[in-house]
Amino acid sequence: MSSEAPVSSTRPYLIRALHEWCADNGFSPYIAVQVDASVQVPMEFVKNGEIVLDVSMDATSGLRLGNDYIEFKARFGGVAREIIIPVSHVIAIYARENGQGMAFPAPPPAPVPAAVSSVPSVPSAPAEAAGVVASSAPASADAPSGPDTPGPDRPAGRPQLKRVK
C-alpha cells in the first residue's frame, strides 16, 4: 500500500505559462470560460454558457492567477466588476492576435444561473456590445474588435486555436 499524495492539476500552471508567453510577446491573452453557478462574471455578457475575457495586464486590475481561482477586476461598459473564475472552468487560453494557445477539457455540467438562460443572444452585435470580451481599453465605435469580430486577417465566427508543435 502506498500513501501517495494526489497530484495537482497542470491546468493552472499551463494558464500562467501561456499568460506569461503572451505578455512577453506583446500579445493579449484571452480566456474562454464555461459559466455556471460557481463562476462570478457579469451574467449579462454570458453567451451560450460561455464568456471570453481579456486577461491582459492592461485590461485587468489586481490579476491573480492562482491554483484554484483566477481573480481580477475589469470594466464592463465602464463599470468595475470583481471577477472570480475557478481554474477548472477555463476551457481555453490563447493570444487574441494569432489564436495560439491551449484548450482544456470542460468541467462536468452544473446548473447555470437563471440570468444566463434569460439573456437573449445578439448575433449581429460587435464583440464588446455582445459582452464577449471584457477590456478596459476604450472600444472604437467605428471599428469594433474582439475574437468574434471579422477583420482583414481574421475570419468571422468563433476564435480558432492554432496547434503549436
N, C-alpha and C. Protein backbone atom coordinates (compact mmCIF):
# COMPACT_ATOMS: atom_id res chain seq x y z
N MET A 1 0.84 -1.19 0.00
CA MET A 1 0.00 0.00 0.00
C MET A 1 0.87 1.24 0.00
N SER A 2 0.64 2.11 -0.96
CA SER A 2 1.41 3.34 -0.97
C SER A 2 0.51 4.49 -0.54
N SER A 3 1.11 5.45 0.11
CA SER A 3 0.35 6.61 0.57
C SER A 3 0.78 7.83 -0.23
N GLU A 4 0.58 7.76 -1.55
CA GLU A 4 0.96 8.86 -2.43
C GLU A 4 -0.05 10.00 -2.30
N ALA A 5 0.48 11.21 -2.25
CA ALA A 5 -0.38 12.38 -2.22
C ALA A 5 -0.95 12.60 -3.61
N PRO A 6 -2.18 13.12 -3.69
CA PRO A 6 -2.76 13.36 -5.01
C PRO A 6 -1.93 14.40 -5.78
N VAL A 7 -1.80 14.19 -7.07
CA VAL A 7 -1.03 15.09 -7.92
C VAL A 7 -1.94 16.26 -8.30
N SER A 8 -1.40 17.48 -8.20
CA SER A 8 -2.20 18.66 -8.53
C SER A 8 -2.35 18.78 -10.05
N SER A 9 -3.37 19.50 -10.46
CA SER A 9 -3.67 19.71 -11.86
C SER A 9 -2.59 20.56 -12.53
N THR A 10 -2.33 20.27 -13.79
CA THR A 10 -1.37 21.08 -14.56
C THR A 10 -2.04 22.33 -15.13
N ARG A 11 -3.37 22.38 -15.14
CA ARG A 11 -4.10 23.48 -15.77
C ARG A 11 -3.65 24.86 -15.26
N PRO A 12 -3.59 25.12 -13.94
CA PRO A 12 -3.20 26.48 -13.52
C PRO A 12 -1.79 26.84 -13.94
N TYR A 13 -0.90 25.87 -13.97
CA TYR A 13 0.49 26.13 -14.36
C TYR A 13 0.58 26.46 -15.85
N LEU A 14 -0.20 25.73 -16.66
CA LEU A 14 -0.21 26.00 -18.10
C LEU A 14 -0.85 27.35 -18.40
N ILE A 15 -1.89 27.70 -17.67
CA ILE A 15 -2.53 29.01 -17.85
C ILE A 15 -1.54 30.12 -17.53
N ARG A 16 -0.83 30.00 -16.42
CA ARG A 16 0.16 31.03 -16.05
C ARG A 16 1.27 31.11 -17.10
N ALA A 17 1.74 29.95 -17.57
CA ALA A 17 2.82 29.93 -18.56
C ALA A 17 2.38 30.59 -19.87
N LEU A 18 1.19 30.28 -20.35
CA LEU A 18 0.71 30.88 -21.59
C LEU A 18 0.40 32.36 -21.42
N HIS A 19 -0.08 32.75 -20.24
CA HIS A 19 -0.30 34.17 -19.95
C HIS A 19 1.03 34.92 -20.02
N GLU A 20 2.06 34.36 -19.41
CA GLU A 20 3.38 34.99 -19.44
C GLU A 20 3.94 35.03 -20.86
N TRP A 21 3.76 33.95 -21.63
CA TRP A 21 4.21 33.91 -23.02
C TRP A 21 3.55 35.02 -23.83
N CYS A 22 2.24 35.20 -23.64
CA CYS A 22 1.52 36.26 -24.35
C CYS A 22 2.11 37.63 -23.99
N ALA A 23 2.29 37.87 -22.70
CA ALA A 23 2.83 39.16 -22.24
C ALA A 23 4.23 39.39 -22.80
N ASP A 24 5.07 38.38 -22.77
CA ASP A 24 6.45 38.51 -23.26
C ASP A 24 6.51 38.83 -24.75
N ASN A 25 5.50 38.40 -25.49
CA ASN A 25 5.49 38.60 -26.94
C ASN A 25 4.57 39.73 -27.39
N GLY A 26 4.04 40.49 -26.43
CA GLY A 26 3.18 41.62 -26.77
C GLY A 26 1.79 41.25 -27.23
N PHE A 27 1.34 40.03 -26.89
CA PHE A 27 0.00 39.59 -27.27
C PHE A 27 -0.98 39.82 -26.13
N SER A 28 -2.27 39.82 -26.46
CA SER A 28 -3.34 39.95 -25.47
C SER A 28 -3.86 38.56 -25.13
N PRO A 29 -3.64 38.09 -23.88
CA PRO A 29 -4.15 36.77 -23.51
C PRO A 29 -5.66 36.83 -23.24
N TYR A 30 -6.40 35.94 -23.87
CA TYR A 30 -7.84 35.81 -23.67
C TYR A 30 -8.09 34.43 -23.08
N ILE A 31 -9.08 34.35 -22.18
CA ILE A 31 -9.50 33.06 -21.66
C ILE A 31 -10.97 32.85 -22.01
N ALA A 32 -11.29 31.63 -22.40
CA ALA A 32 -12.68 31.23 -22.60
C ALA A 32 -13.09 30.46 -21.35
N VAL A 33 -14.24 30.81 -20.80
CA VAL A 33 -14.69 30.26 -19.53
C VAL A 33 -16.08 29.65 -19.68
N GLN A 34 -16.24 28.43 -19.17
CA GLN A 34 -17.57 27.82 -19.10
C GLN A 34 -18.22 28.34 -17.83
N VAL A 35 -19.39 28.93 -17.98
CA VAL A 35 -20.06 29.60 -16.86
C VAL A 35 -21.12 28.70 -16.23
N ASP A 36 -21.06 28.61 -14.90
CA ASP A 36 -22.13 28.01 -14.11
C ASP A 36 -22.22 28.79 -12.81
N ALA A 37 -22.90 28.27 -11.82
CA ALA A 37 -23.13 28.99 -10.57
C ALA A 37 -21.84 29.29 -9.79
N SER A 38 -20.76 28.56 -10.06
CA SER A 38 -19.52 28.78 -9.32
C SER A 38 -18.65 29.89 -9.91
N VAL A 39 -19.03 30.44 -11.04
CA VAL A 39 -18.26 31.46 -11.74
C VAL A 39 -18.88 32.83 -11.46
N GLN A 40 -18.04 33.79 -11.06
CA GLN A 40 -18.54 35.14 -10.79
C GLN A 40 -18.09 36.07 -11.91
N VAL A 41 -18.98 36.24 -12.89
CA VAL A 41 -18.77 37.15 -14.01
C VAL A 41 -20.08 37.89 -14.25
N PRO A 42 -20.07 39.00 -14.97
CA PRO A 42 -21.33 39.67 -15.28
C PRO A 42 -22.18 38.79 -16.19
N MET A 43 -23.26 38.26 -15.67
CA MET A 43 -24.08 37.30 -16.39
C MET A 43 -24.69 37.88 -17.66
N GLU A 44 -24.86 39.20 -17.72
CA GLU A 44 -25.45 39.79 -18.91
C GLU A 44 -24.52 39.70 -20.13
N PHE A 45 -23.26 39.32 -19.91
CA PHE A 45 -22.31 39.18 -21.01
C PHE A 45 -22.02 37.72 -21.36
N VAL A 46 -22.70 36.80 -20.71
CA VAL A 46 -22.51 35.37 -20.99
C VAL A 46 -23.33 35.00 -22.21
N LYS A 47 -22.72 34.25 -23.11
CA LYS A 47 -23.40 33.84 -24.34
C LYS A 47 -23.23 32.33 -24.50
N ASN A 48 -24.32 31.61 -24.60
CA ASN A 48 -24.30 30.15 -24.75
C ASN A 48 -23.52 29.46 -23.64
N GLY A 49 -23.63 29.98 -22.41
CA GLY A 49 -22.98 29.36 -21.26
C GLY A 49 -21.48 29.59 -21.20
N GLU A 50 -20.97 30.50 -22.03
CA GLU A 50 -19.54 30.81 -22.05
C GLU A 50 -19.31 32.32 -22.09
N ILE A 51 -18.13 32.70 -21.65
CA ILE A 51 -17.70 34.10 -21.76
C ILE A 51 -16.22 34.08 -22.10
N VAL A 52 -15.80 35.03 -22.93
CA VAL A 52 -14.40 35.18 -23.28
C VAL A 52 -13.93 36.49 -22.67
N LEU A 53 -12.83 36.42 -21.93
CA LEU A 53 -12.33 37.58 -21.19
C LEU A 53 -10.90 37.92 -21.57
N ASP A 54 -10.63 39.20 -21.72
CA ASP A 54 -9.28 39.70 -21.94
C ASP A 54 -8.61 39.76 -20.57
N VAL A 55 -7.56 38.96 -20.36
CA VAL A 55 -6.88 38.94 -19.06
C VAL A 55 -5.47 39.54 -19.16
N SER A 56 -5.31 40.49 -20.09
CA SER A 56 -4.03 41.19 -20.19
C SER A 56 -3.90 42.15 -19.01
N MET A 57 -2.68 42.55 -18.75
CA MET A 57 -2.44 43.47 -17.63
C MET A 57 -3.13 44.82 -17.88
N ASP A 58 -3.29 45.21 -19.15
CA ASP A 58 -3.95 46.48 -19.47
C ASP A 58 -5.45 46.41 -19.24
N ALA A 59 -6.04 45.23 -19.33
CA ALA A 59 -7.50 45.08 -19.22
C ALA A 59 -7.97 44.71 -17.83
N THR A 60 -7.02 44.37 -16.94
CA THR A 60 -7.40 43.90 -15.60
C THR A 60 -6.72 44.73 -14.53
N SER A 61 -7.24 44.62 -13.34
CA SER A 61 -6.62 45.23 -12.16
C SER A 61 -6.55 44.16 -11.08
N GLY A 62 -5.40 44.02 -10.46
CA GLY A 62 -5.25 43.05 -9.37
C GLY A 62 -5.35 41.61 -9.83
N LEU A 63 -4.85 41.30 -11.01
CA LEU A 63 -4.95 39.95 -11.55
C LEU A 63 -4.16 38.96 -10.70
N ARG A 64 -4.84 37.88 -10.28
CA ARG A 64 -4.20 36.79 -9.53
C ARG A 64 -4.54 35.48 -10.23
N LEU A 65 -3.51 34.83 -10.77
CA LEU A 65 -3.68 33.54 -11.44
C LEU A 65 -3.29 32.45 -10.46
N GLY A 66 -4.21 32.07 -9.59
CA GLY A 66 -3.93 31.09 -8.55
C GLY A 66 -4.13 29.67 -9.03
N ASN A 67 -3.84 28.72 -8.14
CA ASN A 67 -4.02 27.31 -8.48
C ASN A 67 -5.48 26.90 -8.51
N ASP A 68 -6.32 27.57 -7.74
CA ASP A 68 -7.74 27.22 -7.68
C ASP A 68 -8.65 28.23 -8.37
N TYR A 69 -8.28 29.52 -8.31
CA TYR A 69 -9.13 30.58 -8.86
C TYR A 69 -8.30 31.60 -9.62
N ILE A 70 -8.93 32.21 -10.63
CA ILE A 70 -8.39 33.38 -11.30
C ILE A 70 -9.27 34.53 -10.83
N GLU A 71 -8.63 35.57 -10.28
CA GLU A 71 -9.38 36.69 -9.73
C GLU A 71 -8.82 37.99 -10.27
N PHE A 72 -9.71 38.93 -10.59
CA PHE A 72 -9.30 40.26 -11.04
C PHE A 72 -10.50 41.18 -11.08
N LYS A 73 -10.23 42.45 -11.30
CA LYS A 73 -11.28 43.43 -11.54
C LYS A 73 -11.15 43.88 -12.99
N ALA A 74 -12.29 44.08 -13.64
CA ALA A 74 -12.31 44.55 -15.02
C ALA A 74 -13.53 45.44 -15.21
N ARG A 75 -13.46 46.26 -16.23
CA ARG A 75 -14.58 47.16 -16.54
C ARG A 75 -15.44 46.55 -17.64
N PHE A 76 -16.73 46.55 -17.39
CA PHE A 76 -17.72 46.10 -18.36
C PHE A 76 -18.66 47.28 -18.57
N GLY A 77 -18.63 47.85 -19.75
CA GLY A 77 -19.48 49.02 -20.01
C GLY A 77 -19.16 50.16 -19.07
N GLY A 78 -17.90 50.32 -18.68
CA GLY A 78 -17.48 51.40 -17.81
C GLY A 78 -17.66 51.15 -16.33
N VAL A 79 -18.22 49.99 -15.96
CA VAL A 79 -18.46 49.67 -14.56
C VAL A 79 -17.46 48.60 -14.09
N ALA A 80 -16.71 48.90 -13.03
CA ALA A 80 -15.74 47.94 -12.50
C ALA A 80 -16.47 46.78 -11.85
N ARG A 81 -16.05 45.56 -12.17
CA ARG A 81 -16.66 44.36 -11.62
C ARG A 81 -15.58 43.43 -11.11
N GLU A 82 -15.89 42.72 -10.03
CA GLU A 82 -14.99 41.71 -9.45
C GLU A 82 -15.27 40.39 -10.16
N ILE A 83 -14.22 39.79 -10.71
CA ILE A 83 -14.35 38.54 -11.46
C ILE A 83 -13.64 37.43 -10.69
N ILE A 84 -14.32 36.31 -10.49
CA ILE A 84 -13.73 35.14 -9.84
C ILE A 84 -14.10 33.92 -10.67
N ILE A 85 -13.06 33.22 -11.14
CA ILE A 85 -13.27 32.08 -12.03
C ILE A 85 -12.53 30.86 -11.47
N PRO A 86 -13.22 29.77 -11.20
CA PRO A 86 -12.49 28.55 -10.83
C PRO A 86 -11.61 28.13 -12.02
N VAL A 87 -10.36 27.80 -11.75
CA VAL A 87 -9.43 27.41 -12.81
C VAL A 87 -10.01 26.24 -13.62
N SER A 88 -10.76 25.36 -12.98
CA SER A 88 -11.34 24.21 -13.67
C SER A 88 -12.34 24.61 -14.76
N HIS A 89 -12.82 25.86 -14.73
CA HIS A 89 -13.80 26.33 -15.71
C HIS A 89 -13.16 27.06 -16.89
N VAL A 90 -11.84 27.22 -16.86
CA VAL A 90 -11.15 27.82 -18.01
C VAL A 90 -11.04 26.72 -19.07
N ILE A 91 -11.67 26.96 -20.22
CA ILE A 91 -11.65 25.94 -21.27
C ILE A 91 -10.65 26.26 -22.38
N ALA A 92 -10.07 27.47 -22.34
CA ALA A 92 -9.01 27.80 -23.30
C ALA A 92 -8.32 29.08 -22.87
N ILE A 93 -7.05 29.20 -23.24
CA ILE A 93 -6.31 30.45 -23.13
C ILE A 93 -5.54 30.58 -24.44
N TYR A 94 -5.60 31.78 -25.03
CA TYR A 94 -4.97 31.97 -26.33
C TYR A 94 -4.63 33.44 -26.54
N ALA A 95 -3.74 33.69 -27.49
CA ALA A 95 -3.38 35.05 -27.87
C ALA A 95 -4.42 35.55 -28.88
N ARG A 96 -5.00 36.69 -28.59
CA ARG A 96 -6.02 37.25 -29.48
C ARG A 96 -5.46 37.48 -30.89
N GLU A 97 -4.22 37.90 -30.96
CA GLU A 97 -3.64 38.31 -32.24
C GLU A 97 -3.41 37.17 -33.22
N ASN A 98 -3.09 35.97 -32.73
CA ASN A 98 -2.78 34.88 -33.66
C ASN A 98 -3.50 33.57 -33.33
N GLY A 99 -4.27 33.53 -32.25
CA GLY A 99 -5.03 32.33 -31.90
C GLY A 99 -4.22 31.21 -31.28
N GLN A 100 -2.91 31.41 -31.10
CA GLN A 100 -2.10 30.35 -30.50
C GLN A 100 -2.40 30.25 -29.02
N GLY A 101 -2.54 29.04 -28.53
CA GLY A 101 -2.84 28.83 -27.13
C GLY A 101 -3.14 27.38 -26.85
N MET A 102 -4.00 27.15 -25.89
CA MET A 102 -4.29 25.79 -25.47
C MET A 102 -5.74 25.69 -25.02
N ALA A 103 -6.37 24.58 -25.38
CA ALA A 103 -7.73 24.30 -24.93
C ALA A 103 -7.66 23.22 -23.85
N PHE A 104 -8.65 23.24 -22.96
CA PHE A 104 -8.71 22.29 -21.85
C PHE A 104 -10.08 21.61 -21.87
N PRO A 105 -10.17 20.42 -21.27
CA PRO A 105 -11.48 19.77 -21.18
C PRO A 105 -12.43 20.61 -20.33
N ALA A 106 -13.67 20.64 -20.73
CA ALA A 106 -14.68 21.39 -19.98
C ALA A 106 -15.00 20.64 -18.69
N PRO A 107 -15.37 21.40 -17.64
CA PRO A 107 -15.78 20.74 -16.39
C PRO A 107 -17.11 20.03 -16.59
N PRO A 108 -17.46 19.11 -15.70
CA PRO A 108 -18.76 18.45 -15.82
C PRO A 108 -19.88 19.49 -15.74
N PRO A 109 -20.98 19.27 -16.45
CA PRO A 109 -22.07 20.24 -16.44
C PRO A 109 -22.61 20.47 -15.03
N ALA A 110 -22.93 21.72 -14.77
CA ALA A 110 -23.54 22.12 -13.49
C ALA A 110 -24.68 23.07 -13.82
N PRO A 111 -25.56 23.33 -12.86
CA PRO A 111 -26.67 24.24 -13.13
C PRO A 111 -26.15 25.63 -13.51
N VAL A 112 -26.75 26.22 -14.54
CA VAL A 112 -26.41 27.57 -14.97
C VAL A 112 -27.43 28.50 -14.34
N PRO A 113 -26.98 29.64 -13.77
CA PRO A 113 -27.91 30.58 -13.16
C PRO A 113 -29.00 31.01 -14.14
N ALA A 114 -30.18 31.28 -13.63
CA ALA A 114 -31.32 31.66 -14.46
C ALA A 114 -31.02 32.88 -15.31
N ALA A 115 -30.20 33.80 -14.80
CA ALA A 115 -29.89 35.03 -15.55
C ALA A 115 -29.20 34.72 -16.87
N VAL A 116 -28.45 33.64 -16.94
CA VAL A 116 -27.73 33.30 -18.17
C VAL A 116 -28.70 32.87 -19.25
N SER A 117 -29.64 32.00 -18.92
CA SER A 117 -30.55 31.49 -19.93
C SER A 117 -31.58 32.52 -20.35
N SER A 118 -31.79 33.59 -19.56
CA SER A 118 -32.79 34.58 -19.92
C SER A 118 -32.22 35.71 -20.76
N VAL A 119 -30.90 35.75 -20.95
CA VAL A 119 -30.29 36.81 -21.73
C VAL A 119 -30.38 36.43 -23.21
N PRO A 120 -31.05 37.28 -24.01
CA PRO A 120 -31.15 36.95 -25.43
C PRO A 120 -29.81 37.12 -26.12
N SER A 121 -29.56 36.31 -27.12
CA SER A 121 -28.34 36.39 -27.90
C SER A 121 -28.46 37.51 -28.92
N VAL A 122 -27.38 38.24 -29.14
CA VAL A 122 -27.37 39.34 -30.10
C VAL A 122 -26.35 38.99 -31.17
N PRO A 123 -26.74 38.21 -32.18
CA PRO A 123 -25.76 37.71 -33.14
C PRO A 123 -25.12 38.77 -34.00
N SER A 124 -25.78 39.89 -34.28
CA SER A 124 -25.20 40.88 -35.19
C SER A 124 -24.43 41.97 -34.47
N ALA A 125 -24.36 41.94 -33.13
CA ALA A 125 -23.68 42.99 -32.38
C ALA A 125 -22.17 42.77 -32.39
N PRO A 126 -21.40 43.87 -32.29
CA PRO A 126 -19.95 43.70 -32.17
C PRO A 126 -19.61 42.97 -30.88
N ALA A 127 -18.41 42.43 -30.81
CA ALA A 127 -18.00 41.61 -29.67
C ALA A 127 -18.17 42.32 -28.34
N GLU A 128 -17.72 43.58 -28.23
CA GLU A 128 -17.83 44.27 -26.95
C GLU A 128 -19.28 44.50 -26.57
N ALA A 129 -20.12 44.85 -27.53
CA ALA A 129 -21.53 45.10 -27.23
C ALA A 129 -22.23 43.81 -26.82
N ALA A 130 -21.82 42.70 -27.38
CA ALA A 130 -22.42 41.42 -27.02
C ALA A 130 -21.85 40.88 -25.73
N GLY A 131 -20.81 41.54 -25.19
CA GLY A 131 -20.23 41.11 -23.93
C GLY A 131 -19.29 39.94 -24.07
N VAL A 132 -18.76 39.72 -25.24
CA VAL A 132 -17.88 38.57 -25.42
C VAL A 132 -16.51 38.85 -24.82
N VAL A 133 -16.08 40.11 -24.84
CA VAL A 133 -14.74 40.43 -24.37
C VAL A 133 -14.82 41.52 -23.32
N ALA A 134 -14.15 41.32 -22.20
CA ALA A 134 -14.05 42.35 -21.17
C ALA A 134 -12.72 43.04 -21.37
N SER A 135 -12.75 44.34 -21.47
CA SER A 135 -11.50 45.06 -21.68
C SER A 135 -11.61 46.44 -21.08
N SER A 136 -10.51 46.93 -20.53
CA SER A 136 -10.52 48.28 -20.00
C SER A 136 -10.15 49.27 -21.09
N ALA A 137 -9.71 48.78 -22.24
CA ALA A 137 -9.36 49.65 -23.35
C ALA A 137 -10.64 50.19 -23.97
N PRO A 138 -10.63 51.47 -24.37
CA PRO A 138 -11.84 52.03 -24.96
C PRO A 138 -12.12 51.37 -26.31
N ALA A 139 -13.38 51.07 -26.56
CA ALA A 139 -13.77 50.47 -27.83
C ALA A 139 -14.11 51.58 -28.80
N SER A 140 -13.60 51.48 -29.99
CA SER A 140 -13.89 52.45 -31.02
C SER A 140 -15.26 52.15 -31.60
N ALA A 141 -16.09 53.17 -31.72
CA ALA A 141 -17.44 52.96 -32.21
C ALA A 141 -17.46 52.55 -33.67
N ASP A 142 -16.48 53.03 -34.44
CA ASP A 142 -16.50 52.71 -35.86
C ASP A 142 -15.66 51.48 -36.20
N ALA A 143 -14.88 50.95 -35.27
CA ALA A 143 -14.04 49.79 -35.55
C ALA A 143 -14.07 48.81 -34.39
N PRO A 144 -15.18 48.05 -34.27
CA PRO A 144 -15.22 47.08 -33.17
C PRO A 144 -14.14 46.02 -33.36
N SER A 145 -13.66 45.51 -32.24
CA SER A 145 -12.65 44.46 -32.33
C SER A 145 -12.97 43.40 -31.30
N GLY A 146 -12.33 42.27 -31.42
CA GLY A 146 -12.53 41.19 -30.48
C GLY A 146 -12.39 39.87 -31.19
N PRO A 147 -12.45 38.79 -30.45
CA PRO A 147 -12.21 37.49 -31.06
C PRO A 147 -13.29 37.06 -32.04
N ASP A 148 -14.50 37.61 -31.94
CA ASP A 148 -15.57 37.21 -32.83
C ASP A 148 -15.80 38.21 -33.95
N THR A 149 -14.99 39.28 -34.00
CA THR A 149 -15.18 40.32 -34.97
C THR A 149 -14.33 40.04 -36.21
N PRO A 150 -14.95 39.96 -37.39
CA PRO A 150 -14.16 39.73 -38.60
C PRO A 150 -13.24 40.91 -38.85
N GLY A 151 -12.13 40.67 -39.43
CA GLY A 151 -11.18 41.72 -39.78
C GLY A 151 -10.44 41.30 -41.03
N PRO A 152 -9.47 42.11 -41.46
CA PRO A 152 -8.76 41.78 -42.69
C PRO A 152 -8.03 40.44 -42.60
N ASP A 153 -7.54 40.09 -41.42
CA ASP A 153 -6.82 38.83 -41.30
C ASP A 153 -7.51 37.87 -40.33
N ARG A 154 -8.76 38.13 -40.01
CA ARG A 154 -9.49 37.29 -39.05
C ARG A 154 -10.82 36.86 -39.67
N PRO A 155 -11.04 35.56 -39.84
CA PRO A 155 -12.32 35.11 -40.38
C PRO A 155 -13.44 35.32 -39.36
N ALA A 156 -14.65 35.36 -39.85
CA ALA A 156 -15.81 35.53 -38.96
C ALA A 156 -16.02 34.27 -38.14
N GLY A 157 -16.72 34.42 -37.01
CA GLY A 157 -17.06 33.26 -36.18
C GLY A 157 -16.20 33.18 -34.94
N ARG A 158 -16.29 32.03 -34.26
CA ARG A 158 -15.55 31.82 -33.02
C ARG A 158 -14.06 31.78 -33.29
N PRO A 159 -13.27 32.21 -32.31
CA PRO A 159 -11.82 32.12 -32.49
C PRO A 159 -11.38 30.67 -32.59
N GLN A 160 -10.38 30.44 -33.37
CA GLN A 160 -9.86 29.10 -33.55
C GLN A 160 -8.47 29.02 -32.94
N LEU A 161 -8.24 27.98 -32.16
CA LEU A 161 -6.92 27.77 -31.60
C LEU A 161 -6.04 27.12 -32.64
N LYS A 162 -4.80 27.53 -32.68
CA LYS A 162 -3.85 27.00 -33.63
C LYS A 162 -2.92 26.05 -32.89
N ARG A 163 -2.74 24.84 -33.42
CA ARG A 163 -1.86 23.87 -32.78
C ARG A 163 -0.41 24.28 -32.99
N VAL A 164 0.33 24.26 -31.91
CA VAL A 164 1.75 24.56 -31.97
C VAL A 164 2.48 23.28 -31.62
N LYS A 165 3.36 22.84 -32.50
CA LYS A 165 4.07 21.60 -32.25
C LYS A 165 5.53 21.87 -32.00
